[in-house]
Protein backbone atom coordinates (compact mmCIF):
# COMPACT_ATOMS: atom_id res chain seq x y z
CA MET A 1 28.83 269.45 -19.03
CA LYS A 2 31.16 266.75 -18.05
CA GLN A 3 31.80 267.68 -14.66
CA ILE A 4 27.76 267.80 -13.96
CA ILE A 5 27.55 263.82 -15.54
CA TYR A 6 30.73 262.75 -13.60
CA ILE A 7 28.64 264.45 -9.97
CA LEU A 8 25.40 262.97 -10.84
CA LEU A 9 27.49 259.68 -11.66
CA THR A 10 29.49 259.78 -7.95
CA THR A 11 26.00 260.75 -5.91
CA THR A 12 23.99 257.71 -7.97
CA THR A 13 26.55 255.26 -7.15
CA MET A 14 26.73 256.18 -3.45
CA LEU A 15 23.31 255.99 -3.43
CA GLY A 16 22.87 252.68 -5.35
CA LEU A 17 25.84 251.24 -2.39
CA MET A 18 23.94 252.25 0.67
CA SER A 19 20.97 251.47 -0.89
CA CYS A 20 22.62 247.97 -1.54
CA SER A 21 24.17 248.25 1.79
CA ASP A 22 20.35 248.13 3.09
CA TRP A 23 19.04 245.50 1.15
CA LEU A 24 22.11 243.17 2.02
CA ASP A 25 21.41 243.69 5.74
CA VAL A 26 18.43 241.75 6.22
CA SER A 27 17.26 238.59 8.06
CA PRO A 28 17.26 234.93 6.28
CA LYS A 29 12.55 234.81 5.64
CA THR A 30 13.42 231.30 7.39
CA SER A 31 15.31 232.06 10.04
CA ILE A 32 14.12 234.13 13.75
CA PRO A 33 16.53 235.58 15.63
CA THR A 34 16.07 234.09 19.48
CA ASP A 35 14.85 237.03 21.02
CA LYS A 36 11.75 238.03 18.79
CA GLN A 37 11.02 234.18 19.14
CA PHE A 38 10.18 234.35 22.63
CA GLU A 39 8.35 237.29 21.96
CA SER A 40 4.60 235.95 21.36
CA GLU A 41 2.65 232.71 22.73
CA SER A 42 2.98 231.46 18.90
CA GLY A 43 6.80 231.84 19.08
CA PHE A 44 7.26 229.62 22.18
CA LYS A 45 4.39 227.52 20.71
CA ASP A 46 6.33 227.22 17.30
CA ALA A 47 9.60 226.58 19.22
CA LEU A 48 8.55 223.87 21.87
CA THR A 49 6.71 221.92 18.62
CA GLY A 50 10.17 222.18 16.87
CA ILE A 51 11.38 220.22 19.77
CA TYR A 52 9.09 217.29 19.36
CA LEU A 53 9.48 217.28 15.32
CA LYS A 54 13.56 217.33 15.79
CA LEU A 55 12.12 213.95 18.42
CA GLY A 56 10.88 212.30 15.68
CA THR A 57 13.61 212.15 13.57
CA THR A 58 14.62 208.28 11.89
CA THR A 59 17.76 209.59 14.22
CA LEU A 60 15.92 209.22 17.11
CA TYR A 61 12.43 208.10 17.86
CA ALA A 62 11.41 207.50 14.37
CA GLY A 63 13.84 205.23 13.36
CA ASP A 64 17.67 204.24 15.45
CA LEU A 65 15.89 204.17 19.29
CA THR A 66 12.79 202.40 18.53
CA TYR A 67 13.65 199.63 16.29
CA ALA A 68 16.61 200.32 14.23
CA TYR A 69 19.60 200.77 16.17
CA LEU A 70 18.74 199.46 19.35
CA ASP A 71 17.62 195.87 17.81
CA GLU A 72 20.47 196.10 15.75
CA LEU A 73 22.54 196.36 18.83
CA ALA A 74 20.76 193.26 20.71
CA GLY A 75 21.26 190.91 17.35
CA LEU A 76 17.26 190.80 17.51
CA TYR A 77 17.14 190.03 13.43
CA SER A 78 17.96 186.75 12.59
CA ASP A 79 17.82 187.01 8.85
CA TYR A 80 21.59 187.73 8.06
CA PRO A 81 21.94 188.37 4.53
CA GLY A 82 25.83 188.53 4.28
CA TYR A 83 28.58 190.78 5.93
CA ASN A 84 28.79 194.04 4.21
CA THR A 85 31.17 196.87 4.59
CA ASN A 86 28.70 199.30 3.71
CA ALA A 87 25.67 198.33 5.71
CA VAL A 88 25.24 199.17 9.05
CA PHE A 89 23.07 196.55 10.04
CA ASP A 90 25.37 194.12 8.86
CA GLN A 91 28.23 195.61 10.99
CA SER A 92 26.18 195.70 14.19
CA ILE A 93 25.41 192.28 14.15
CA VAL A 94 29.32 190.88 13.62
CA PHE A 95 30.03 193.94 16.25
CA ASP A 96 32.10 196.28 14.01
CA TYR A 97 32.03 198.86 15.49
CA GLU A 98 35.18 201.04 13.01
CA ASN A 99 33.17 201.98 10.05
CA MET A 100 29.38 203.43 9.85
CA PHE A 101 28.66 201.96 12.62
CA LEU A 102 30.41 204.25 14.76
CA SER A 103 29.24 207.65 12.85
CA LYS A 104 25.93 206.62 13.32
CA LYS A 105 26.79 206.21 16.83
CA ASN A 106 28.04 209.65 17.11
CA GLY A 107 25.35 210.97 15.38
CA ILE A 108 22.54 209.50 18.10
CA TYR A 109 24.21 211.22 20.88
CA SER A 110 25.32 214.82 19.17
CA THR A 111 21.43 215.26 18.26
CA MET A 112 20.00 214.60 21.28
CA TYR A 113 22.07 217.09 23.18
CA ASN A 114 21.50 219.54 20.24
CA ILE A 115 17.86 218.66 21.23
CA ILE A 116 18.58 219.86 25.44
CA ALA A 117 20.45 222.34 23.67
CA ASN A 118 17.38 223.67 22.66
CA ILE A 119 15.32 222.78 25.72
CA ASN A 120 17.66 224.66 27.90
CA ASN A 121 17.13 227.28 25.64
CA PHE A 122 13.62 227.23 26.07
CA LEU A 123 13.69 226.74 29.26
CA GLU A 124 15.20 229.87 29.86
CA TYR A 125 13.16 232.12 27.75
CA VAL A 126 10.10 230.76 29.31
CA ASP A 127 10.81 232.12 32.63
CA LYS A 128 12.68 235.39 31.36
CA ASN A 129 9.64 236.32 29.08
CA LYS A 130 6.77 234.69 31.74
CA ASP A 131 4.53 237.86 30.81
CA VAL A 132 3.81 236.79 27.78
CA LEU A 133 2.44 233.99 28.25
CA VAL A 134 -0.91 235.32 29.04
CA THR A 135 -3.22 232.30 28.29
CA GLU A 136 -4.36 229.92 31.50
CA ARG A 137 -2.43 227.14 31.35
CA TYR A 138 0.67 228.12 28.82
CA TYR A 139 3.52 229.19 31.00
CA GLU A 140 3.07 225.71 32.90
CA THR A 141 2.21 223.30 30.58
CA MET A 142 4.83 224.45 28.32
CA LYS A 143 7.62 224.25 31.41
CA GLY A 144 6.37 221.24 32.53
CA GLU A 145 6.53 219.89 29.44
CA ALA A 146 10.63 221.07 28.57
CA LEU A 147 11.92 219.65 32.01
CA GLY A 148 9.90 216.10 31.32
CA LEU A 149 11.77 216.11 27.74
CA ARG A 150 15.13 217.08 29.33
CA ALA A 151 15.16 214.26 31.57
CA PHE A 152 13.94 211.74 29.48
CA LEU A 153 16.67 212.46 27.15
CA HIS A 154 19.06 212.49 29.58
CA PHE A 155 17.67 208.84 31.22
CA ASP A 156 18.03 207.89 27.73
CA LEU A 157 21.51 208.67 27.34
CA LEU A 158 22.21 207.18 30.35
CA ARG A 159 20.75 203.93 29.82
CA MET A 160 22.98 203.94 26.04
CA PHE A 161 26.07 205.19 27.04
CA GLY A 162 26.37 205.47 31.06
CA PRO A 163 27.85 202.06 33.09
CA VAL A 164 24.90 199.04 34.34
CA TYR A 165 23.38 201.00 36.89
CA LYS A 166 22.81 198.27 39.42
CA GLU A 167 26.25 197.37 39.05
CA HIS A 168 28.26 200.81 38.76
CA PRO A 169 26.00 203.97 40.40
CA ALA A 170 29.28 205.93 40.77
CA SER A 171 31.21 205.14 37.48
CA LYS A 172 30.92 208.52 35.21
CA ALA A 173 28.30 208.36 32.89
CA ILE A 174 27.43 211.29 31.04
CA PRO A 175 27.06 214.87 31.70
CA TYR A 176 23.55 216.54 32.60
CA ARG A 177 23.21 220.20 30.40
CA ILE A 178 21.13 222.48 32.37
CA ALA A 179 21.95 225.67 30.95
CA PHE A 180 22.26 227.14 27.34
CA ASP A 181 25.84 227.72 27.06
CA LYS A 182 29.21 226.46 25.53
CA ASP A 183 30.76 226.07 29.30
CA ALA A 184 32.04 222.54 29.30
CA THR A 185 29.73 220.63 31.41
CA PRO A 186 31.48 217.62 33.70
CA VAL A 187 30.99 213.75 33.71
CA LEU A 188 28.87 213.34 36.31
CA PRO A 189 28.72 209.77 38.16
CA ALA A 190 25.40 207.66 37.33
CA SER A 191 23.83 208.32 40.77
CA GLU A 192 23.80 212.12 40.33
CA VAL A 193 22.53 211.97 37.44
CA VAL A 194 19.59 210.07 38.19
CA ASP A 195 19.10 212.67 41.07
CA ALA A 196 19.13 215.28 38.51
CA ILE A 197 16.53 213.34 36.41
CA LEU A 198 14.24 212.59 39.60
CA LYS A 199 14.70 216.66 40.10
CA ASP A 200 13.79 218.00 36.83
CA LEU A 201 10.97 214.97 36.71
CA ASN A 202 9.56 216.06 40.62
CA ASP A 203 9.42 219.93 39.36
CA ALA A 204 8.13 218.84 35.72
CA GLU A 205 5.21 217.20 37.90
CA LYS A 206 4.28 220.01 40.11
CA LEU A 207 4.16 222.31 37.48
CA LEU A 208 1.93 219.47 35.19
CA LYS A 209 -0.31 218.83 38.12
CA GLU A 210 -1.92 222.04 38.21
CA SER A 211 -2.08 222.84 34.39
CA ASP A 212 -2.22 219.31 32.13
CA PRO A 213 -5.97 219.45 30.99
CA LEU A 214 -4.97 215.45 30.22
CA ASP A 215 -6.99 215.70 27.09
CA PHE A 216 -6.53 212.10 25.42
CA PHE A 217 -7.71 210.72 22.14
CA THR A 218 -9.40 214.49 20.76
CA ASP A 219 -11.55 213.74 18.78
CA GLN A 220 -12.29 216.45 16.26
CA THR A 221 -15.89 215.42 15.93
CA ASP A 222 -17.02 216.14 18.86
CA GLU A 223 -19.72 219.15 19.11
CA ASP A 224 -16.99 221.19 21.53
CA PHE A 225 -13.97 220.73 19.92
CA ILE A 226 -13.96 224.15 17.79
CA ASP A 227 -14.48 225.73 21.57
CA LYS A 228 -10.80 224.14 22.94
CA ASN A 229 -7.50 224.95 22.93
CA HIS A 230 -6.16 222.92 20.32
CA PHE A 231 -2.95 223.16 21.89
CA LEU A 232 -3.75 221.37 24.58
CA VAL A 233 -5.70 218.79 22.96
CA ASN A 234 -4.16 214.83 22.15
CA ARG A 235 -2.28 215.35 25.17
CA GLU A 236 -1.01 211.19 24.64
CA PHE A 237 1.29 212.79 21.72
CA ARG A 238 3.39 215.12 24.42
CA MET A 239 5.13 215.06 27.62
CA ASN A 240 2.10 215.22 29.54
CA LEU A 241 1.70 213.83 33.23
CA TYR A 242 1.07 210.36 33.19
CA ALA A 243 4.03 210.23 31.36
CA VAL A 244 6.05 212.27 33.54
CA LYS A 245 4.72 209.86 36.56
CA ALA A 246 5.41 207.06 34.66
CA MET A 247 9.46 208.03 34.08
CA LEU A 248 9.42 208.78 37.79
CA ALA A 249 8.57 205.40 38.44
CA ILE A 250 10.55 203.79 36.60
CA ILE A 251 13.81 205.89 37.74
CA LEU A 252 12.66 205.34 41.32
CA ASN A 253 12.86 201.83 41.12
CA ILE A 254 15.64 201.47 39.07
CA ARG A 255 17.62 203.47 42.11
CA SER A 256 16.20 200.89 44.70
CA ASP A 257 18.44 198.12 45.71
CA SER A 258 15.21 195.73 44.45
CA MET A 259 16.23 195.88 40.97
CA GLY A 260 19.08 192.80 41.93
CA LYS A 261 16.70 190.35 43.08
CA LYS A 262 14.89 187.87 40.90
CA SER A 263 11.08 189.60 41.27
CA ILE A 264 11.01 192.98 41.18
CA GLU A 265 9.54 194.39 44.53
CA LEU A 266 8.45 198.39 43.65
CA LEU A 267 8.82 201.28 46.34
CA PRO A 268 5.79 202.27 48.03
CA GLN A 269 6.54 205.42 46.44
CA THR A 270 6.75 203.79 42.93
CA MET A 271 3.45 201.91 43.71
CA GLU A 272 1.51 204.97 44.86
CA ILE A 273 2.05 206.58 41.68
CA LEU A 274 1.34 203.77 39.27
CA GLU A 275 -1.95 203.47 41.43
CA THR A 276 -2.49 207.03 40.46
CA MET A 277 -1.96 206.35 37.06
CA GLY A 278 -3.85 203.60 36.07
CA GLU A 279 -7.05 205.39 38.17
CA GLN A 280 -6.75 208.29 36.36
CA ILE A 281 -6.53 206.10 33.36
CA LYS A 282 -9.11 204.40 34.01
CA MET A 283 -11.16 207.24 34.32
CA ALA A 284 -10.35 209.48 31.17
CA ARG A 285 -11.21 205.89 29.38
CA LEU A 286 -14.84 206.00 30.93
CA ARG A 287 -14.96 209.95 30.76
CA ARG A 288 -14.38 209.72 26.82
CA ASP A 289 -16.35 206.32 26.25
CA ILE A 290 -13.41 205.14 24.71
CA SER A 291 -12.60 201.45 24.80
CA ALA A 292 -10.01 199.61 26.87
CA GLU A 293 -9.20 198.37 23.07
CA LEU A 294 -8.54 201.43 21.58
CA VAL A 295 -6.27 202.45 24.05
CA ALA A 296 -4.20 199.85 23.93
CA GLU A 297 -3.82 200.12 20.46
CA ARG A 298 -3.11 203.99 20.40
CA ALA A 299 -0.41 202.73 23.30
CA ASN A 300 0.82 200.34 21.49
CA ILE A 301 0.82 197.86 24.85
CA SER A 302 -1.43 194.42 25.37
CA ARG A 303 -5.39 194.84 26.24
CA ALA A 304 -3.90 192.75 29.61
CA ASN A 305 -1.00 194.69 30.34
CA LEU A 306 -3.64 197.95 29.91
CA TRP A 307 -6.02 196.19 32.49
CA ASN A 308 -2.99 195.30 34.96
CA ASN A 309 -2.13 199.02 34.87
CA SER A 310 -5.48 200.19 35.46
CA GLN A 311 -6.11 197.87 38.06
């Protein structure tokens, strides 16, 4: 009898261990393996949305790179409350870069390259699993947005951590990451970084020129809204064709020698881009029957600037 009980206990224990092993061998519900993530269109949409969400943190464009850190560096705040070693604001005002200020700077740098790594991973799979993106415009629009975002982030990294381009275009600047791997990327001269940015922007423009629906300020109360692809509306919140063209105009002008003159003379290629953008903005506004005041408000610019751009 004891022998039978022993056998039963042993068998039960073995089965329990096997079940326990199976129970432990599961993927976390909040984590999706990369190959699984990019097996469907919804996976690609989620991944791209995640990149935009990372851009919208207070460490980057919902805070420090919009109205906090950069303004502190520029000394735009005059209401100085008195030095406090625990306040990044106070440290930046007196150029105390040895305390919390340094960790904030490093946090911005590492976060931006972390997002670039996510973009590179996305770009790798958008070509690898291109057949998954069966909906019209998805492949070209998603890839165009990702390339534009990669150029945008590197451009801001160059402006913050690189040399003054007009004075030192050949000086070492930053790495330009285009692959999702652990290999070290050499620090490039500023001029080569600009060349890489222009390549990404030109590739993005070619893709978005044929695919971007240019559906701005989408009115959800419109009768035809329910029939629209909601992933392709409200393009003002995405890296759209106009945003790419604007960046091209800026970078082409920065690269020109005219930046050293008292009055900026736009290059013919830059003027062509801006004129095309202005006409397209005007046509989009008229097509959707939106006032110039509303467009200026949404774009956070004055009506005069909008008028100049659209002319």
